[in-house]
Each structure stands twice: as structure tokens, then as C-alpha cells.
Amino acid sequence: MPLSPVDIHNKEFTRGFRGYNEDEVNEFLMQIIKDYEVVLKEKKELESKLLTSNEQIGHYNSIESTLQKSIVIAQEAAEEVRRNSTKEAKLIVKEAEKNADRIVNEALSKARRIALEIEELKKQSKVFRNRFKMIVEAQLDLIESDDWDHLLEYEIDSTELERLDTPVE
């Protein structure tokens, strides 16, 4: 156990022949007691500061631990957000590709229908043209027939017309 200032103060030395000067020894002991009290006081202050510092270090270590946990949680949350964003982006791309395929298929289907309609219209126009040509040719044949010439050659006698014009009594 360390000495206390009281232990130093109460220390009794045996007297010997031609020993040390008692007043000098007492004065030196008093100086040691004062210095030792100062040292003990400083020690208590330092122990108190050390305790406070250890408490602060414990507090800061706790804060550091909490911050590290928070950083880990934030990193995990950021990673989760990144994964979710990636998934969502992939879903959006798939949906867009599906819509694009649907639009392309609808456009191809419509183009096929239009091509079929064009072919049908071409067929109908050929049929119409052939029929119209046949009608025109038939009318031309009719116009060019000899029947018209016979009509122009036909003459009616004017006396006969007069006779037809007079009333019968």
C-alpha cells in the first residue's frame, strides 16, 4: 500500500549518536509531505480526467459503432435500391420490348391486310376493265354493224306518207 502524507508525517525515526539534524529532517519531511500531497492531488485529478476520458472514449466508441452500423445499413439500403432499380428497369425494358413486338406484329398484320386488299382491288379493277372493254367493244360492234347502213338505205316514198296522213272516210 502506498504511503500517505499522514504516514510520512507520523513517521518516527530512532535517534542515534550524532544523527541528522532533527529540524532539517522535519523541514525536509514537511516539504516531502507538501509535494506528496500535490502529487496525490494531481494523481486524483488525472484519475478523474482519465475516467472522464474513458467515459468519453466509450461514448465515442458507441457513436462510432452506431455510425458504422448506420453506414452498413445505408449501404445495404442503397444496394437494395440499386437492385430494385435494376429489376424495375429490366421489367420496363421487357414491357417495352413486348409492346414493340405487339406494335410491329400489328403493323405487319395491317400491312398484310392492306397488301391483300390491294391485290383484291387490282383483280377487281382488271375484271371491271375487261367488262368495260367488252361493253365498249360490244357497243362499237353495234355501231359498226350493217344494220345502221340498212337504216340509212331505207327510203320511204313520200306519196305513201301522204296517203298515210289523210284520214280515211
C-alpha atoms as a PDB file:
ATOM      1  CA  MET A   1       0.000   0.000   0.000  1.00  0.00           C
ATOM      2  CA  PRO A   2       1.436   3.432  -0.928  1.00  0.00           C
ATOM      3  CA  LEU A   3       2.388   5.951   1.706  1.00  0.00           C
ATOM      4  CA  SER A   4       0.060   8.770   2.520  1.00  0.00           C
ATOM      5  CA  PRO A   5       1.128  12.243   3.668  1.00  0.00           C
ATOM      6  CA  VAL A   6      -0.101  11.327   7.153  1.00  0.00           C
ATOM      7  CA  ASP A   7       2.160   8.231   7.139  1.00  0.00           C
ATOM      8  CA  ILE A   8       5.109  10.417   6.227  1.00  0.00           C
ATOM      9  CA  HIS A   9       4.179  12.980   8.868  1.00  0.00           C
ATOM     10  CA  ASN A  10       3.812  10.367  11.644  1.00  0.00           C
ATOM     11  CA  LYS A  11       6.990   8.529  10.785  1.00  0.00           C
ATOM     12  CA  GLU A  12       9.338   8.401  13.784  1.00  0.00           C
ATOM     13  CA  PHE A  13      12.993   7.725  13.346  1.00  0.00           C
ATOM     14  CA  THR A  14      15.192   6.234  16.058  1.00  0.00           C
ATOM     15  CA  ARG A  15      17.789   8.569  17.433  1.00  0.00           C
ATOM     16  CA  GLY A  16      21.340   7.743  17.077  1.00  0.00           C
ATOM     17  CA  PHE A  17      24.536   9.241  18.201  1.00  0.00           C
ATOM     18  CA  ARG A  18      25.499  12.045  16.016  1.00  0.00           C
ATOM     19  CA  GLY A  19      22.459  11.589  13.861  1.00  0.00           C
ATOM     20  CA  TYR A  20      20.918  14.073  11.438  1.00  0.00           C
ATOM     21  CA  ASN A  21      19.733  17.492  12.480  1.00  0.00           C
ATOM     22  CA  GLU A  22      16.191  16.945  13.618  1.00  0.00           C
ATOM     23  CA  ASP A  23      14.915  20.341  12.370  1.00  0.00           C
ATOM     24  CA  GLU A  24      16.371  19.779   8.892  1.00  0.00           C
ATOM     25  CA  VAL A  25      14.870  16.315   8.716  1.00  0.00           C
ATOM     26  CA  ASN A  26      11.477  17.648   9.897  1.00  0.00           C
ATOM     27  CA  GLU A  27      11.642  20.534   7.430  1.00  0.00           C
ATOM     28  CA  PHE A  28      12.580  18.155   4.599  1.00  0.00           C
ATOM     29  CA  LEU A  29       9.760  15.792   5.621  1.00  0.00           C
ATOM     30  CA  MET A  30       7.321  18.726   5.598  1.00  0.00           C
ATOM     31  CA  GLN A  31       8.479  19.599   2.117  1.00  0.00           C
ATOM     32  CA  ILE A  32       8.034  15.952   1.036  1.00  0.00           C
ATOM     33  CA  ILE A  33       4.542  15.904   2.596  1.00  0.00           C
ATOM     34  CA  LYS A  34       3.527  19.050   0.692  1.00  0.00           C
ATOM     35  CA  ASP A  35       4.989  17.748  -2.558  1.00  0.00           C
ATOM     36  CA  TYR A  36       3.453  14.333  -1.990  1.00  0.00           C
ATOM     37  CA  GLU A  37       0.038  15.925  -1.314  1.00  0.00           C
ATOM     38  CA  VAL A  38       0.373  17.854  -4.577  1.00  0.00           C
ATOM     39  CA  VAL A  39       1.346  14.649  -6.382  1.00  0.00           C
ATOM     40  CA  LEU A  40      -1.598  12.767  -4.828  1.00  0.00           C
ATOM     41  CA  LYS A  41      -3.953  15.620  -5.708  1.00  0.00           C
ATOM     42  CA  GLU A  42      -2.650  15.654  -9.285  1.00  0.00           C
ATOM     43  CA  LYS A  43      -2.992  11.867  -9.366  1.00  0.00           C
ATOM     44  CA  LYS A  44      -6.649  12.105  -8.274  1.00  0.00           C
ATOM     45  CA  GLU A  45      -7.270  14.821 -10.870  1.00  0.00           C
ATOM     46  CA  LEU A  46      -5.568  12.752 -13.550  1.00  0.00           C
ATOM     47  CA  GLU A  47      -7.524   9.646 -12.495  1.00  0.00           C
ATOM     48  CA  SER A  48     -10.720  11.716 -12.667  1.00  0.00           C
ATOM     49  CA  LYS A  49      -9.720  13.068 -16.090  1.00  0.00           C
ATOM     50  CA  LEU A  50      -8.783   9.562 -17.178  1.00  0.00           C
ATOM     51  CA  LEU A  51     -12.155   8.263 -16.018  1.00  0.00           C
ATOM     52  CA  THR A  52     -13.922  11.117 -17.840  1.00  0.00           C
ATOM     53  CA  SER A  53     -11.776  10.492 -20.919  1.00  0.00           C
ATOM     54  CA  ASN A  54     -12.532   6.759 -20.776  1.00  0.00           C
ATOM     55  CA  GLU A  55     -16.236   7.540 -20.464  1.00  0.00           C
ATOM     56  CA  GLN A  56     -15.956   9.902 -23.446  1.00  0.00           C
ATOM     57  CA  ILE A  57     -13.989   7.310 -25.397  1.00  0.00           C
ATOM     58  CA  GLY A  58     -16.668   4.761 -24.530  1.00  0.00           C
ATOM     59  CA  HIS A  59     -19.308   7.250 -25.673  1.00  0.00           C
ATOM     60  CA  TYR A  60     -17.378   7.994 -28.879  1.00  0.00           C
ATOM     61  CA  ASN A  61     -16.794   4.286 -29.448  1.00  0.00           C
ATOM     62  CA  SER A  62     -20.532   3.777 -29.047  1.00  0.00           C
ATOM     63  CA  ILE A  63     -21.193   6.608 -31.510  1.00  0.00           C
ATOM     64  CA  GLU A  64     -18.595   5.153 -33.889  1.00  0.00           C
ATOM     65  CA  SER A  65     -20.205   1.741 -33.634  1.00  0.00           C
ATOM     66  CA  THR A  66     -23.626   3.264 -34.242  1.00  0.00           C
ATOM     67  CA  LEU A  67     -22.282   5.216 -37.218  1.00  0.00           C
ATOM     68  CA  GLN A  68     -20.624   2.125 -38.643  1.00  0.00           C
ATOM     69  CA  LYS A  69     -23.886   0.222 -38.268  1.00  0.00           C
ATOM     70  CA  SER A  70     -25.723   3.158 -39.866  1.00  0.00           C
ATOM     71  CA  ILE A  71     -23.243   3.186 -42.747  1.00  0.00           C
ATOM     72  CA  VAL A  72     -23.669  -0.552 -43.224  1.00  0.00           C
ATOM     73  CA  ILE A  73     -27.466  -0.165 -43.135  1.00  0.00           C
ATOM     74  CA  ALA A  74     -27.265   2.765 -45.573  1.00  0.00           C
ATOM     75  CA  GLN A  75     -25.016   0.730 -47.892  1.00  0.00           C
ATOM     76  CA  GLU A  76     -27.413  -2.206 -47.708  1.00  0.00           C
ATOM     77  CA  ALA A  77     -30.352   0.114 -48.386  1.00  0.00           C
ATOM     78  CA  ALA A  78     -28.502   1.669 -51.320  1.00  0.00           C
ATOM     79  CA  GLU A  79     -27.699  -1.800 -52.647  1.00  0.00           C
ATOM     80  CA  GLU A  80     -31.346  -2.816 -52.248  1.00  0.00           C
ATOM     81  CA  VAL A  81     -32.461   0.347 -54.061  1.00  0.00           C
ATOM     82  CA  ARG A  82     -29.939  -0.385 -56.820  1.00  0.00           C
ATOM     83  CA  ARG A  83     -31.164  -3.987 -57.125  1.00  0.00           C
ATOM     84  CA  ASN A  84     -34.792  -2.860 -57.174  1.00  0.00           C
ATOM     85  CA  SER A  85     -33.993  -0.183 -59.747  1.00  0.00           C
ATOM     86  CA  THR A  86     -32.217  -2.766 -61.894  1.00  0.00           C
ATOM     87  CA  LYS A  87     -35.191  -5.139 -61.617  1.00  0.00           C
ATOM     88  CA  GLU A  88     -37.614  -2.335 -62.413  1.00  0.00           C
ATOM     89  CA  ALA A  89     -35.506  -1.228 -65.373  1.00  0.00           C
ATOM     90  CA  LYS A  90     -35.438  -4.801 -66.690  1.00  0.00           C
ATOM     91  CA  LEU A  91     -39.218  -5.044 -66.284  1.00  0.00           C
ATOM     92  CA  ILE A  92     -39.678  -1.744 -68.094  1.00  0.00           C
ATOM     93  CA  VAL A  93     -37.402  -2.911 -70.913  1.00  0.00           C
ATOM     94  CA  LYS A  94     -39.270  -6.237 -71.161  1.00  0.00           C
ATOM     95  CA  GLU A  95     -42.612  -4.422 -71.219  1.00  0.00           C
ATOM     96  CA  ALA A  96     -41.304  -2.012 -73.858  1.00  0.00           C
ATOM     97  CA  GLU A  97     -39.974  -4.894 -75.949  1.00  0.00           C
ATOM     98  CA  LYS A  98     -43.305  -6.696 -75.590  1.00  0.00           C
ATOM     99  CA  ASN A  99     -45.187  -3.552 -76.641  1.00  0.00           C
ATOM    100  CA  ALA A 100     -42.764  -3.006 -79.514  1.00  0.00           C
ATOM    101  CA  ASP A 101     -43.262  -6.604 -80.671  1.00  0.00           C
ATOM    102  CA  ARG A 102     -47.025  -6.176 -80.422  1.00  0.00           C
ATOM    103  CA  ILE A 103     -46.900  -2.906 -82.379  1.00  0.00           C
ATOM    104  CA  VAL A 104     -44.624  -4.436 -85.037  1.00  0.00           C
ATOM    105  CA  ASN A 105     -46.871  -7.517 -85.309  1.00  0.00           C
ATOM    106  CA  GLU A 106     -49.962  -5.331 -85.580  1.00  0.00           C
ATOM    107  CA  ALA A 107     -48.229  -3.206 -88.240  1.00  0.00           C
ATOM    108  CA  LEU A 108     -47.168  -6.316 -90.180  1.00  0.00           C
ATOM    109  CA  SER A 109     -50.675  -7.724 -89.923  1.00  0.00           C
ATOM    110  CA  LYS A 110     -52.149  -4.438 -91.112  1.00  0.00           C
ATOM    111  CA  ALA A 111     -49.603  -4.270 -93.939  1.00  0.00           C
ATOM    112  CA  ARG A 112     -50.549  -7.821 -94.991  1.00  0.00           C
ATOM    113  CA  ARG A 113     -54.251  -6.911 -94.907  1.00  0.00           C
ATOM    114  CA  ILE A 114     -53.582  -3.798 -96.976  1.00  0.00           C
ATOM    115  CA  ALA A 115     -51.462  -5.805 -99.438  1.00  0.00           C
ATOM    116  CA  LEU A 116     -54.304  -8.351 -99.756  1.00  0.00           C
ATOM    117  CA  GLU A 117     -56.815  -5.539-100.238  1.00  0.00           C
ATOM    118  CA  ILE A 118     -54.561  -4.008-102.924  1.00  0.00           C
ATOM    119  CA  GLU A 119     -54.336  -7.360-104.709  1.00  0.00           C
ATOM    120  CA  GLU A 120     -58.126  -7.742-104.461  1.00  0.00           C
ATOM    121  CA  LEU A 121     -58.610  -4.210-105.825  1.00  0.00           C
ATOM    122  CA  LYS A 122     -56.208  -4.987-108.689  1.00  0.00           C
ATOM    123  CA  LYS A 123     -58.216  -8.114-109.506  1.00  0.00           C
ATOM    124  CA  GLN A 124     -61.481  -6.182-109.317  1.00  0.00           C
ATOM    125  CA  SER A 125     -60.054  -3.380-111.480  1.00  0.00           C
ATOM    126  CA  LYS A 126     -58.918  -5.963-114.088  1.00  0.00           C
ATOM    127  CA  VAL A 127     -62.368  -7.545-114.041  1.00  0.00           C
ATOM    128  CA  PHE A 128     -64.000  -4.098-114.300  1.00  0.00           C
ATOM    129  CA  ARG A 129     -61.650  -3.102-117.125  1.00  0.00           C
ATOM    130  CA  ASN A 130     -62.322  -6.328-119.030  1.00  0.00           C
ATOM    131  CA  ARG A 131     -66.081  -5.947-118.569  1.00  0.00           C
ATOM    132  CA  PHE A 132     -65.965  -2.278-119.522  1.00  0.00           C
ATOM    133  CA  LYS A 133     -63.813  -3.164-122.534  1.00  0.00           C
ATOM    134  CA  MET A 134     -66.304  -5.857-123.509  1.00  0.00           C
ATOM    135  CA  ILE A 135     -69.207  -3.408-123.171  1.00  0.00           C
ATOM    136  CA  VAL A 136     -67.366  -0.768-125.217  1.00  0.00           C
ATOM    137  CA  GLU A 137     -66.395  -3.347-127.850  1.00  0.00           C
ATOM    138  CA  ALA A 138     -69.989  -4.605-127.964  1.00  0.00           C
ATOM    139  CA  GLN A 139     -71.219  -1.037-128.440  1.00  0.00           C
ATOM    140  CA  LEU A 140     -68.584  -0.466-131.141  1.00  0.00           C
ATOM    141  CA  ASP A 141     -69.626  -3.667-132.849  1.00  0.00           C
ATOM    142  CA  LEU A 142     -73.207  -2.479-132.652  1.00  0.00           C
ATOM    143  CA  ILE A 143     -72.291   0.906-134.113  1.00  0.00           C
ATOM    144  CA  GLU A 144     -70.227  -0.696-136.860  1.00  0.00           C
ATOM    145  CA  SER A 145     -72.859  -3.279-137.731  1.00  0.00           C
ATOM    146  CA  ASP A 146     -74.602  -3.273-141.117  1.00  0.00           C
ATOM    147  CA  ASP A 147     -77.932  -2.597-139.506  1.00  0.00           C
ATOM    148  CA  TRP A 148     -77.097   1.077-139.430  1.00  0.00           C
ATOM    149  CA  ASP A 149     -76.310   1.032-143.093  1.00  0.00           C
ATOM    150  CA  HIS A 150     -79.659  -0.626-143.838  1.00  0.00           C
ATOM    151  CA  LEU A 151     -81.426   2.045-141.888  1.00  0.00           C
ATOM    152  CA  LEU A 152     -79.724   4.724-143.885  1.00  0.00           C
ATOM    153  CA  GLU A 153     -80.576   2.972-147.144  1.00  0.00           C
ATOM    154  CA  TYR A 154     -84.204   2.630-146.288  1.00  0.00           C
ATOM    155  CA  GLU A 155     -86.316   5.184-148.122  1.00  0.00           C
ATOM    156  CA  ILE A 156     -89.891   5.890-147.742  1.00  0.00           C
ATOM    157  CA  ASP A 157     -91.909   7.091-150.627  1.00  0.00           C
ATOM    158  CA  SER A 158     -93.403  10.492-149.883  1.00  0.00           C
ATOM    159  CA  THR A 159     -96.667   9.705-151.648  1.00  0.00           C
ATOM    160  CA  GLU A 160     -97.133   6.877-149.443  1.00  0.00           C
ATOM    161  CA  LEU A 161     -96.619   9.143-146.457  1.00  0.00           C
ATOM    162  CA  GLU A 162     -99.291  11.449-147.663  1.00  0.00           C
ATOM    163  CA  ARG A 163    -101.661   8.694-148.032  1.00  0.00           C
ATOM    164  CA  LEU A 164    -100.993   7.638-144.547  1.00  0.00           C
ATOM    165  CA  ASP A 165    -101.548  11.156-143.398  1.00  0.00           C
ATOM    166  CA  THR A 166    -105.016  11.549-144.888  1.00  0.00           C
ATOM    167  CA  PRO A 167    -107.954  10.369-142.870  1.00  0.00           C
ATOM    168  CA  VAL A 168    -109.999   7.554-144.117  1.00  0.00           C
ATOM    169  CA  GLU A 169    -113.596   8.306-144.675  1.00  0.00           C
END
